[in-house]
Amino acid sequence: MRDTLRESMSELMQFANHEPNKVTVKKYTLNNLPAYNPSEIKTVRDKTQMTQKVFSDLLGVSVRTVEAWEAGKSHPNGSARRLLQLIEQKPEMVEEIEYASAKG
C-alpha cells in the first residue's frame, strides 16, 4: 500500500510540474442517469430474481423505499439510479456481490 501511495504522489507531482510524458491521464464520460418508472424498477429487480427485501438490502435502502419506487410514490435518487443502471446492464454482477457477502 505504501508503495502505491508513493507512486501516486510521484505521478501527481509529475502532472503538477507539467511532465505529461511521464503521466497517463484517463478521462471517463458517463452516460446521463436514466430515469426509472415503477415498472422498469420492478423489471430490473426481477432480473436479479430477488424479493423487495433482498433487493433493498443490496441497494442499501429500506424495503419501504423499494416498495414506494415500485408503486410510483417516490423515485430513486442519483446514486440509486446509477446502481439500477449497473444492475440492469450487468445483472450477473449482483450474483458476485451476493455470493461474496454470503461467504463473509
PDB file of N, CA and C in Angstrom:
ATOM      1  N   MET A   1       0.821  -1.192   0.000  1.00  0.00           N
ATOM      2  CA  MET A   1       0.000   0.000   0.000  1.00  0.00           C
ATOM      3  C   MET A   1       0.869   1.260   0.000  1.00  0.00           C
ATOM      4  N   ARG A   2       1.900   1.224   0.796  1.00  0.00           N
ATOM      5  CA  ARG A   2       2.785   2.381   0.907  1.00  0.00           C
ATOM      6  C   ARG A   2       3.436   2.709  -0.435  1.00  0.00           C
ATOM      7  N   ASP A   3       3.875   1.656  -1.176  1.00  0.00           N
ATOM      8  CA  ASP A   3       4.494   1.876  -2.479  1.00  0.00           C
ATOM      9  C   ASP A   3       3.499   2.462  -3.467  1.00  0.00           C
ATOM     10  N   THR A   4       2.255   1.978  -3.429  1.00  0.00           N
ATOM     11  CA  THR A   4       1.223   2.501  -4.323  1.00  0.00           C
ATOM     12  C   THR A   4       0.969   3.972  -4.033  1.00  0.00           C
ATOM     13  N   LEU A   5       0.909   4.328  -2.775  1.00  0.00           N
ATOM     14  CA  LEU A   5       0.710   5.728  -2.400  1.00  0.00           C
ATOM     15  C   LEU A   5       1.892   6.575  -2.853  1.00  0.00           C
ATOM     16  N   ARG A   6       3.086   6.066  -2.685  1.00  0.00           N
ATOM     17  CA  ARG A   6       4.285   6.791  -3.102  1.00  0.00           C
ATOM     18  C   ARG A   6       4.279   7.002  -4.622  1.00  0.00           C
ATOM     19  N   GLU A   7       3.918   5.958  -5.369  1.00  0.00           N
ATOM     20  CA  GLU A   7       3.850   6.068  -6.828  1.00  0.00           C
ATOM     21  C   GLU A   7       2.787   7.090  -7.245  1.00  0.00           C
ATOM     22  N   SER A   8       1.654   7.061  -6.578  1.00  0.00           N
ATOM     23  CA  SER A   8       0.576   8.000  -6.897  1.00  0.00           C
ATOM     24  C   SER A   8       1.010   9.436  -6.636  1.00  0.00           C
ATOM     25  N   MET A   9       1.690   9.655  -5.528  1.00  0.00           N
ATOM     26  CA  MET A   9       2.163  11.009  -5.208  1.00  0.00           C
ATOM     27  C   MET A   9       3.207  11.459  -6.227  1.00  0.00           C
ATOM     28  N   SER A  10       4.059  10.546  -6.654  1.00  0.00           N
ATOM     29  CA  SER A  10       5.065  10.874  -7.654  1.00  0.00           C
ATOM     30  C   SER A  10       4.398  11.267  -8.964  1.00  0.00           C
ATOM     31  N   GLU A  11       3.376  10.507  -9.378  1.00  0.00           N
ATOM     32  CA  GLU A  11       2.652  10.842 -10.606  1.00  0.00           C
ATOM     33  C   GLU A  11       1.942  12.183 -10.482  1.00  0.00           C
ATOM     34  N   LEU A  12       1.383  12.442  -9.319  1.00  0.00           N
ATOM     35  CA  LEU A  12       0.714  13.722  -9.092  1.00  0.00           C
ATOM     36  C   LEU A  12       1.696  14.879  -9.227  1.00  0.00           C
ATOM     37  N   MET A  13       2.875  14.734  -8.668  1.00  0.00           N
ATOM     38  CA  MET A  13       3.884  15.799  -8.760  1.00  0.00           C
ATOM     39  C   MET A  13       4.351  15.981 -10.199  1.00  0.00           C
ATOM     40  N   GLN A  14       4.501  14.892 -10.943  1.00  0.00           N
ATOM     41  CA  GLN A  14       4.891  14.992 -12.350  1.00  0.00           C
ATOM     42  C   GLN A  14       3.822  15.722 -13.142  1.00  0.00           C
ATOM     43  N   PHE A  15       2.575  15.401 -12.864  1.00  0.00           N
ATOM     44  CA  PHE A  15       1.477  16.075 -13.561  1.00  0.00           C
ATOM     45  C   PHE A  15       1.442  17.555 -13.195  1.00  0.00           C
ATOM     46  N   ALA A  16       1.628  17.870 -11.909  1.00  0.00           N
ATOM     47  CA  ALA A  16       1.619  19.264 -11.458  1.00  0.00           C
ATOM     48  C   ALA A  16       2.764  20.057 -12.070  1.00  0.00           C
ATOM     49  N   ASN A  17       3.862  19.394 -12.349  1.00  0.00           N
ATOM     50  CA  ASN A  17       5.022  20.051 -12.947  1.00  0.00           C
ATOM     51  C   ASN A  17       4.986  20.003 -14.471  1.00  0.00           C
ATOM     52  N   HIS A  18       3.839  19.678 -15.028  1.00  0.00           N
ATOM     53  CA  HIS A  18       3.630  19.660 -16.484  1.00  0.00           C
ATOM     54  C   HIS A  18       4.590  18.710 -17.197  1.00  0.00           C
ATOM     55  N   GLU A  19       4.726  17.530 -16.656  1.00  0.00           N
ATOM     56  CA  GLU A  19       5.539  16.492 -17.275  1.00  0.00           C
ATOM     57  C   GLU A  19       4.593  15.404 -17.807  1.00  0.00           C
ATOM     58  N   PRO A  20       3.806  15.711 -18.835  1.00  0.00           N
ATOM     59  CA  PRO A  20       2.775  14.789 -19.295  1.00  0.00           C
ATOM     60  C   PRO A  20       3.287  13.476 -19.866  1.00  0.00           C
ATOM     61  N   ASN A  21       4.530  13.421 -20.329  1.00  0.00           N
ATOM     62  CA  ASN A  21       5.042  12.176 -20.897  1.00  0.00           C
ATOM     63  C   ASN A  21       5.231  11.099 -19.842  1.00  0.00           C
ATOM     64  N   LYS A  22       5.293  11.508 -18.596  1.00  0.00           N
ATOM     65  CA  LYS A  22       5.514  10.550 -17.526  1.00  0.00           C
ATOM     66  C   LYS A  22       4.224  10.144 -16.821  1.00  0.00           C
ATOM     67  N   VAL A  23       3.127  10.776 -17.186  1.00  0.00           N
ATOM     68  CA  VAL A  23       1.864  10.528 -16.501  1.00  0.00           C
ATOM     69  C   VAL A  23       0.785  10.178 -17.520  1.00  0.00           C
ATOM     70  N   THR A  24       0.010   9.179 -17.196  1.00  0.00           N
ATOM     71  CA  THR A  24      -1.127   8.819 -18.028  1.00  0.00           C
ATOM     72  C   THR A  24      -2.393   9.370 -17.388  1.00  0.00           C
ATOM     73  N   VAL A  25      -3.121  10.170 -18.136  1.00  0.00           N
ATOM     74  CA  VAL A  25      -4.372  10.739 -17.636  1.00  0.00           C
ATOM     75  C   VAL A  25      -5.515  10.091 -18.400  1.00  0.00           C
ATOM     76  N   LYS A  26      -6.442   9.507 -17.653  1.00  0.00           N
ATOM     77  CA  LYS A  26      -7.600   8.880 -18.275  1.00  0.00           C
ATOM     78  C   LYS A  26      -8.820   9.742 -18.021  1.00  0.00           C
ATOM     79  N   LYS A  27      -9.615   9.917 -19.048  1.00  0.00           N
ATOM     80  CA  LYS A  27     -10.860  10.654 -18.916  1.00  0.00           C
ATOM     81  C   LYS A  27     -12.006   9.682 -19.158  1.00  0.00           C
ATOM     82  N   TYR A  28     -13.020   9.791 -18.336  1.00  0.00           N
ATOM     83  CA  TYR A  28     -14.189   8.943 -18.467  1.00  0.00           C
ATOM     84  C   TYR A  28     -15.410   9.817 -18.701  1.00  0.00           C
ATOM     85  N   THR A  29     -16.254   9.364 -19.570  1.00  0.00           N
ATOM     86  CA  THR A  29     -17.514  10.052 -19.812  1.00  0.00           C
ATOM     87  C   THR A  29     -18.635   9.086 -19.463  1.00  0.00           C
ATOM     88  N   LEU A  30     -19.466   9.482 -18.518  1.00  0.00           N
ATOM     89  CA  LEU A  30     -20.587   8.643 -18.117  1.00  0.00           C
ATOM     90  C   LEU A  30     -21.842   9.071 -18.853  1.00  0.00           C
ATOM     91  N   ASN A  31     -22.667   8.102 -19.164  1.00  0.00           N
ATOM     92  CA  ASN A  31     -23.962   8.420 -19.744  1.00  0.00           C
ATOM     93  C   ASN A  31     -24.806   9.141 -18.701  1.00  0.00           C
ATOM     94  N   ASN A  32     -25.764   9.923 -19.168  1.00  0.00           N
ATOM     95  CA  ASN A  32     -26.678  10.572 -18.243  1.00  0.00           C
ATOM     96  C   ASN A  32     -27.412   9.520 -17.430  1.00  0.00           C
ATOM     97  N   LEU A  33     -27.780   9.905 -16.227  1.00  0.00           N
ATOM     98  CA  LEU A  33     -28.534   8.980 -15.388  1.00  0.00           C
ATOM     99  C   LEU A  33     -29.903   8.726 -15.993  1.00  0.00           C
ATOM    100  N   PRO A  34     -30.279   7.480 -16.136  1.00  0.00           N
ATOM    101  CA  PRO A  34     -31.610   7.204 -16.657  1.00  0.00           C
ATOM    102  C   PRO A  34     -32.659   7.425 -15.573  1.00  0.00           C
ATOM    103  N   ALA A  35     -33.850   7.768 -15.999  1.00  0.00           N
ATOM    104  CA  ALA A  35     -34.987   7.837 -15.085  1.00  0.00           C
ATOM    105  C   ALA A  35     -35.678   6.489 -15.146  1.00  0.00           C
ATOM    106  N   TYR A  36     -36.138   6.001 -14.026  1.00  0.00           N
ATOM    107  CA  TYR A  36     -36.822   4.716 -13.970  1.00  0.00           C
ATOM    108  C   TYR A  36     -38.249   4.910 -13.493  1.00  0.00           C
ATOM    109  N   ASN A  37     -39.194   4.374 -14.268  1.00  0.00           N
ATOM    110  CA  ASN A  37     -40.581   4.395 -13.801  1.00  0.00           C
ATOM    111  C   ASN A  37     -40.798   3.129 -12.968  1.00  0.00           C
ATOM    112  N   PRO A  38     -41.926   3.044 -12.260  1.00  0.00           N
ATOM    113  CA  PRO A  38     -42.149   1.903 -11.367  1.00  0.00           C
ATOM    114  C   PRO A  38     -42.014   0.532 -12.033  1.00  0.00           C
ATOM    115  N   SER A  39     -42.558   0.367 -13.222  1.00  0.00           N
ATOM    116  CA  SER A  39     -42.475  -0.947 -13.861  1.00  0.00           C
ATOM    117  C   SER A  39     -41.039  -1.270 -14.287  1.00  0.00           C
ATOM    118  N   GLU A  40     -40.260  -0.266 -14.655  1.00  0.00           N
ATOM    119  CA  GLU A  40     -38.860  -0.505 -15.025  1.00  0.00           C
ATOM    120  C   GLU A  40     -38.036  -0.921 -13.807  1.00  0.00           C
ATOM    121  N   ILE A  41     -38.333  -0.327 -12.651  1.00  0.00           N
ATOM    122  CA  ILE A  41     -37.625  -0.706 -11.422  1.00  0.00           C
ATOM    123  C   ILE A  41     -37.930  -2.164 -11.083  1.00  0.00           C
ATOM    124  N   LYS A  42     -39.194  -2.535 -11.199  1.00  0.00           N
ATOM    125  CA  LYS A  42     -39.580  -3.923 -10.933  1.00  0.00           C
ATOM    126  C   LYS A  42     -38.920  -4.869 -11.941  1.00  0.00           C
ATOM    127  N   THR A  43     -38.828  -4.462 -13.185  1.00  0.00           N
ATOM    128  CA  THR A  43     -38.172  -5.281 -14.201  1.00  0.00           C
ATOM    129  C   THR A  43     -36.700  -5.502 -13.856  1.00  0.00           C
ATOM    130  N   VAL A  44     -36.025  -4.440 -13.410  1.00  0.00           N
ATOM    131  CA  VAL A  44     -34.615  -4.572 -13.006  1.00  0.00           C
ATOM    132  C   VAL A  44     -34.522  -5.532 -11.828  1.00  0.00           C
ATOM    133  N   ARG A  45     -35.396  -5.381 -10.847  1.00  0.00           N
ATOM    134  CA  ARG A  45     -35.380  -6.273  -9.683  1.00  0.00           C
ATOM    135  C   ARG A  45     -35.669  -7.707 -10.107  1.00  0.00           C
ATOM    136  N   ASP A  46     -36.623  -7.890 -10.999  1.00  0.00           N
ATOM    137  CA  ASP A  46     -36.968  -9.233 -11.471  1.00  0.00           C
ATOM    138  C   ASP A  46     -35.789  -9.908 -12.165  1.00  0.00           C
ATOM    139  N   LYS A  47     -34.955  -9.120 -12.841  1.00  0.00           N
ATOM    140  CA  LYS A  47     -33.762  -9.687 -13.495  1.00  0.00           C
ATOM    141  C   LYS A  47     -32.848 -10.354 -12.478  1.00  0.00           C
ATOM    142  N   THR A  48     -32.841  -9.826 -11.256  1.00  0.00           N
ATOM    143  CA  THR A  48     -31.985 -10.374 -10.209  1.00  0.00           C
ATOM    144  C   THR A  48     -32.646 -11.534  -9.480  1.00  0.00           C
ATOM    145  N   GLN A  49     -33.937 -11.731  -9.738  1.00  0.00           N
ATOM    146  CA  GLN A  49     -34.731 -12.765  -9.063  1.00  0.00           C
ATOM    147  C   GLN A  49     -34.700 -12.588  -7.546  1.00  0.00           C
ATOM    148  N   MET A  50     -34.771 -11.326  -7.105  1.00  0.00           N
ATOM    149  CA  MET A  50     -34.733 -11.011  -5.680  1.00  0.00           C
ATOM    150  C   MET A  50     -36.091 -10.508  -5.213  1.00  0.00           C
ATOM    151  N   THR A  51     -36.344 -10.745  -3.942  1.00  0.00           N
ATOM    152  CA  THR A  51     -37.517 -10.137  -3.322  1.00  0.00           C
ATOM    153  C   THR A  51     -37.225  -8.657  -3.099  1.00  0.00           C
ATOM    154  N   GLN A  52     -38.253  -7.893  -2.775  1.00  0.00           N
ATOM    155  CA  GLN A  52     -38.039  -6.481  -2.472  1.00  0.00           C
ATOM    156  C   GLN A  52     -37.089  -6.324  -1.289  1.00  0.00           C
ATOM    157  N   LYS A  53     -37.200  -7.201  -0.300  1.00  0.00           N
ATOM    158  CA  LYS A  53     -36.348  -7.118   0.897  1.00  0.00           C
ATOM    159  C   LYS A  53     -34.885  -7.342   0.531  1.00  0.00           C
ATOM    160  N   VAL A  54     -34.590  -8.381  -0.216  1.00  0.00           N
ATOM    161  CA  VAL A  54     -33.200  -8.677  -0.585  1.00  0.00           C
ATOM    162  C   VAL A  54     -32.658  -7.572  -1.490  1.00  0.00           C
ATOM    163  N   PHE A  55     -33.485  -7.113  -2.429  1.00  0.00           N
ATOM    164  CA  PHE A  55     -33.074  -6.035  -3.328  1.00  0.00           C
ATOM    165  C   PHE A  55     -32.782  -4.761  -2.542  1.00  0.00           C
ATOM    166  N   SER A  56     -33.613  -4.471  -1.548  1.00  0.00           N
ATOM    167  CA  SER A  56     -33.379  -3.273  -0.736  1.00  0.00           C
ATOM    168  C   SER A  56     -32.069  -3.383   0.036  1.00  0.00           C
ATOM    169  N   ASP A  57     -31.780  -4.576   0.553  1.00  0.00           N
ATOM    170  CA  ASP A  57     -30.504  -4.791   1.249  1.00  0.00           C
ATOM    171  C   ASP A  57     -29.325  -4.577   0.304  1.00  0.00           C
ATOM    172  N   LEU A  58     -29.461  -5.082  -0.923  1.00  0.00           N
ATOM    173  CA  LEU A  58     -28.407  -4.918  -1.925  1.00  0.00           C
ATOM    174  C   LEU A  58     -28.145  -3.440  -2.205  1.00  0.00           C
ATOM    175  N   LEU A  59     -29.222  -2.660  -2.354  1.00  0.00           N
ATOM    176  CA  LEU A  59     -29.079  -1.239  -2.687  1.00  0.00           C
ATOM    177  C   LEU A  59     -28.780  -0.362  -1.475  1.00  0.00           C
ATOM    178  N   GLY A  60     -28.931  -0.921  -0.282  1.00  0.00           N
ATOM    179  CA  GLY A  60     -28.675  -0.137   0.924  1.00  0.00           C
ATOM    180  C   GLY A  60     -29.792   0.830   1.252  1.00  0.00           C
ATOM    181  N   VAL A  61     -31.017   0.445   0.905  1.00  0.00           N
ATOM    182  CA  VAL A  61     -32.196   1.260   1.219  1.00  0.00           C
ATOM    183  C   VAL A  61     -33.193   0.374   1.956  1.00  0.00           C
ATOM    184  N   SER A  62     -34.215   0.991   2.506  1.00  0.00           N
ATOM    185  CA  SER A  62     -35.227   0.210   3.213  1.00  0.00           C
ATOM    186  C   SER A  62     -36.145  -0.488   2.221  1.00  0.00           C
ATOM    187  N   VAL A  63     -36.794  -1.553   2.687  1.00  0.00           N
ATOM    188  CA  VAL A  63     -37.751  -2.250   1.838  1.00  0.00           C
ATOM    189  C   VAL A  63     -38.920  -1.315   1.497  1.00  0.00           C
ATOM    190  N   ARG A  64     -39.265  -0.420   2.405  1.00  0.00           N
ATOM    191  CA  ARG A  64     -40.326   0.555   2.120  1.00  0.00           C
ATOM    192  C   ARG A  64     -39.949   1.480   0.976  1.00  0.00           C
ATOM    193  N   THR A  65     -38.673   1.776   0.861  1.00  0.00           N
ATOM    194  CA  THR A  65     -38.211   2.623  -0.244  1.00  0.00           C
ATOM    195  C   THR A  65     -38.428   1.910  -1.577  1.00  0.00           C
ATOM    196  N   VAL A  66     -38.030   0.642  -1.651  1.00  0.00           N
ATOM    197  CA  VAL A  66     -38.235  -0.125  -2.892  1.00  0.00           C
ATOM    198  C   VAL A  66     -39.721  -0.253  -3.187  1.00  0.00           C
ATOM    199  N   GLU A  67     -40.528  -0.511  -2.155  1.00  0.00           N
ATOM    200  CA  GLU A  67     -41.984  -0.582  -2.340  1.00  0.00           C
ATOM    201  C   GLU A  67     -42.519   0.726  -2.914  1.00  0.00           C
ATOM    202  N   ALA A  68     -42.045   1.852  -2.374  1.00  0.00           N
ATOM    203  CA  ALA A  68     -42.512   3.170  -2.836  1.00  0.00           C
ATOM    204  C   ALA A  68     -42.087   3.430  -4.281  1.00  0.00           C
ATOM    205  N   TRP A  69     -40.887   3.021  -4.644  1.00  0.00           N
ATOM    206  CA  TRP A  69     -40.437   3.190  -6.024  1.00  0.00           C
ATOM    207  C   TRP A  69     -41.326   2.395  -6.971  1.00  0.00           C
ATOM    208  N   GLU A  70     -41.592   1.145  -6.603  1.00  0.00           N
ATOM    209  CA  GLU A  70     -42.367   0.274  -7.480  1.00  0.00           C
ATOM    210  C   GLU A  70     -43.841   0.665  -7.523  1.00  0.00           C
ATOM    211  N   ALA A  71     -44.296   1.407  -6.517  1.00  0.00           N
ATOM    212  CA  ALA A  71     -45.683   1.892  -6.505  1.00  0.00           C
ATOM    213  C   ALA A  71     -45.800   3.284  -7.118  1.00  0.00           C
ATOM    214  N   GLY A  72     -44.672   3.890  -7.447  1.00  0.00           N
ATOM    215  CA  GLY A  72     -44.685   5.233  -8.026  1.00  0.00           C
ATOM    216  C   GLY A  72     -44.892   6.345  -7.017  1.00  0.00           C
ATOM    217  N   LYS A  73     -44.736   6.041  -5.738  1.00  0.00           N
ATOM    218  CA  LYS A  73     -44.921   7.047  -4.674  1.00  0.00           C
ATOM    219  C   LYS A  73     -43.676   7.894  -4.463  1.00  0.00           C
ATOM    220  N   SER A  74     -42.530   7.371  -4.846  1.00  0.00           N
ATOM    221  CA  SER A  74     -41.278   8.129  -4.785  1.00  0.00           C
ATOM    222  C   SER A  74     -40.378   7.618  -5.906  1.00  0.00           C
ATOM    223  N   HIS A  75     -39.237   8.284  -6.058  1.00  0.00           N
ATOM    224  CA  HIS A  75     -38.321   7.953  -7.152  1.00  0.00           C
ATOM    225  C   HIS A  75     -36.910   7.791  -6.604  1.00  0.00           C
ATOM    226  N   PRO A  76     -36.135   6.905  -7.196  1.00  0.00           N
ATOM    227  CA  PRO A  76     -34.754   6.719  -6.740  1.00  0.00           C
ATOM    228  C   PRO A  76     -33.919   7.978  -6.956  1.00  0.00           C
ATOM    229  N   ASN A  77     -32.995   8.220  -6.015  1.00  0.00           N
ATOM    230  CA  ASN A  77     -32.084   9.364  -6.164  1.00  0.00           C
ATOM    231  C   ASN A  77     -30.976   9.005  -7.153  1.00  0.00           C
ATOM    232  N   GLY A  78     -30.048   9.917  -7.337  1.00  0.00           N
ATOM    233  CA  GLY A  78     -28.996   9.736  -8.336  1.00  0.00           C
ATOM    234  C   GLY A  78     -28.149   8.500  -8.143  1.00  0.00           C
ATOM    235  N   SER A  79     -27.681   8.256  -6.932  1.00  0.00           N
ATOM    236  CA  SER A  79     -26.827   7.092  -6.726  1.00  0.00           C
ATOM    237  C   SER A  79     -27.614   5.792  -6.891  1.00  0.00           C
ATOM    238  N   ALA A  80     -28.851   5.776  -6.438  1.00  0.00           N
ATOM    239  CA  ALA A  80     -29.684   4.583  -6.618  1.00  0.00           C
ATOM    240  C   ALA A  80     -29.972   4.351  -8.093  1.00  0.00           C
ATOM    241  N   ARG A  81     -30.192   5.415  -8.849  1.00  0.00           N
ATOM    242  CA  ARG A  81     -30.425   5.281 -10.286  1.00  0.00           C
ATOM    243  C   ARG A  81     -29.191   4.724 -10.990  1.00  0.00           C
ATOM    244  N   ARG A  82     -28.010   5.148 -10.565  1.00  0.00           N
ATOM    245  CA  ARG A  82     -26.783   4.624 -11.165  1.00  0.00           C
ATOM    246  C   ARG A  82     -26.656   3.128 -10.846  1.00  0.00           C
ATOM    247  N   LEU A  83     -26.955   2.743  -9.607  1.00  0.00           N
ATOM    248  CA  LEU A  83     -26.898   1.330  -9.254  1.00  0.00           C
ATOM    249  C   LEU A  83     -27.922   0.518 -10.049  1.00  0.00           C
ATOM    250  N   LEU A  84     -29.126   1.058 -10.196  1.00  0.00           N
ATOM    251  CA  LEU A  84     -30.135   0.376 -11.008  1.00  0.00           C
ATOM    252  C   LEU A  84     -29.636   0.199 -12.442  1.00  0.00           C
ATOM    253  N   GLN A  85     -28.992   1.225 -12.964  1.00  0.00           N
ATOM    254  CA  GLN A  85     -28.462   1.158 -14.327  1.00  0.00           C
ATOM    255  C   GLN A  85     -27.406   0.046 -14.436  1.00  0.00           C
ATOM    256  N   LEU A  86     -26.516  -0.008 -13.475  1.00  0.00           N
ATOM    257  CA  LEU A  86     -25.475  -1.035 -13.493  1.00  0.00           C
ATOM    258  C   LEU A  86     -26.072  -2.436 -13.380  1.00  0.00           C
ATOM    259  N   ILE A  87     -27.051  -2.595 -12.498  1.00  0.00           N
ATOM    260  CA  ILE A  87     -27.699  -3.899 -12.326  1.00  0.00           C
ATOM    261  C   ILE A  87     -28.460  -4.272 -13.588  1.00  0.00           C
ATOM    262  N   GLU A  88     -29.120  -3.301 -14.196  1.00  0.00           N
ATOM    263  CA  GLU A  88     -29.863  -3.555 -15.428  1.00  0.00           C
ATOM    264  C   GLU A  88     -28.921  -4.034 -16.540  1.00  0.00           C
ATOM    265  N   GLN A  89     -27.760  -3.401 -16.646  1.00  0.00           N
ATOM    266  CA  GLN A  89     -26.818  -3.722 -17.713  1.00  0.00           C
ATOM    267  C   GLN A  89     -26.022  -4.994 -17.441  1.00  0.00           C
ATOM    268  N   LYS A  90     -25.730  -5.258 -16.173  1.00  0.00           N
ATOM    269  CA  LYS A  90     -24.913  -6.422 -15.817  1.00  0.00           C
ATOM    270  C   LYS A  90     -25.498  -7.129 -14.595  1.00  0.00           C
ATOM    271  N   PRO A  91     -26.650  -7.767 -14.744  1.00  0.00           N
ATOM    272  CA  PRO A  91     -27.274  -8.413 -13.586  1.00  0.00           C
ATOM    273  C   PRO A  91     -26.404  -9.508 -12.963  1.00  0.00           C
ATOM    274  N   GLU A  92     -25.490 -10.082 -13.730  1.00  0.00           N
ATOM    275  CA  GLU A  92     -24.607 -11.116 -13.187  1.00  0.00           C
ATOM    276  C   GLU A  92     -23.670 -10.563 -12.121  1.00  0.00           C
ATOM    277  N   MET A  93     -23.427  -9.257 -12.146  1.00  0.00           N
ATOM    278  CA  MET A  93     -22.580  -8.605 -11.158  1.00  0.00           C
ATOM    279  C   MET A  93     -23.163  -8.794  -9.753  1.00  0.00           C
ATOM    280  N   VAL A  94     -24.484  -8.814  -9.665  1.00  0.00           N
ATOM    281  CA  VAL A  94     -25.165  -8.942  -8.380  1.00  0.00           C
ATOM    282  C   VAL A  94     -24.893 -10.310  -7.767  1.00  0.00           C
ATOM    283  N   GLU A  95     -24.830 -11.336  -8.585  1.00  0.00           N
ATOM    284  CA  GLU A  95     -24.558 -12.674  -8.074  1.00  0.00           C
ATOM    285  C   GLU A  95     -23.202 -12.723  -7.393  1.00  0.00           C
ATOM    286  N   GLU A  96     -22.219 -12.033  -7.954  1.00  0.00           N
ATOM    287  CA  GLU A  96     -20.886 -11.996  -7.361  1.00  0.00           C
ATOM    288  C   GLU A  96     -20.918 -11.284  -6.015  1.00  0.00           C
ATOM    289  N   ILE A  97     -21.647 -10.183  -5.934  1.00  0.00           N
ATOM    290  CA  ILE A  97     -21.745  -9.420  -4.684  1.00  0.00           C
ATOM    291  C   ILE A  97     -22.461 -10.235  -3.632  1.00  0.00           C
ATOM    292  N   GLU A  98     -23.582 -10.847  -4.020  1.00  0.00           N
ATOM    293  CA  GLU A  98     -24.372 -11.637  -3.090  1.00  0.00           C
ATOM    294  C   GLU A  98     -23.564 -12.824  -2.582  1.00  0.00           C
ATOM    295  N   TYR A  99     -22.836 -13.473  -3.462  1.00  0.00           N
ATOM    296  CA  TYR A  99     -22.029 -14.630  -3.075  1.00  0.00           C
ATOM    297  C   TYR A  99     -20.937 -14.205  -2.100  1.00  0.00           C
ATOM    298  N   ALA A 100     -20.270 -13.089  -2.404  1.00  0.00           N
ATOM    299  CA  ALA A 100     -19.195 -12.622  -1.538  1.00  0.00           C
ATOM    300  C   ALA A 100     -19.721 -12.274  -0.155  1.00  0.00           C
ATOM    301  N   SER A 101     -20.888 -11.640  -0.072  1.00  0.00           N
ATOM    302  CA  SER A 101     -21.428 -11.266   1.238  1.00  0.00           C
ATOM    303  C   SER A 101     -21.908 -12.496   1.991  1.00  0.00           C
ATOM    304  N   ALA A 102     -22.373 -13.523   1.295  1.00  0.00           N
ATOM    305  CA  ALA A 102     -22.833 -14.730   1.953  1.00  0.00           C
ATOM    306  C   ALA A 102     -21.673 -15.509   2.576  1.00  0.00           C
ATOM    307  N   LYS A 103     -20.502 -15.456   1.930  1.00  0.00           N
ATOM    308  CA  LYS A 103     -19.332 -16.156   2.435  1.00  0.00           C
ATOM    309  C   LYS A 103     -18.696 -15.420   3.614  1.00  0.00           C
ATOM    310  N   GLY A 104     -18.791 -14.051   3.582  1.00  0.00           N
ATOM    311  CA  GLY A 104     -18.102 -13.259   4.599  1.00  0.00           C
ATOM    312  C   GLY A 104     -18.883 -13.179   5.807  1.00  0.00           C
TER     313      GLY A 104
END
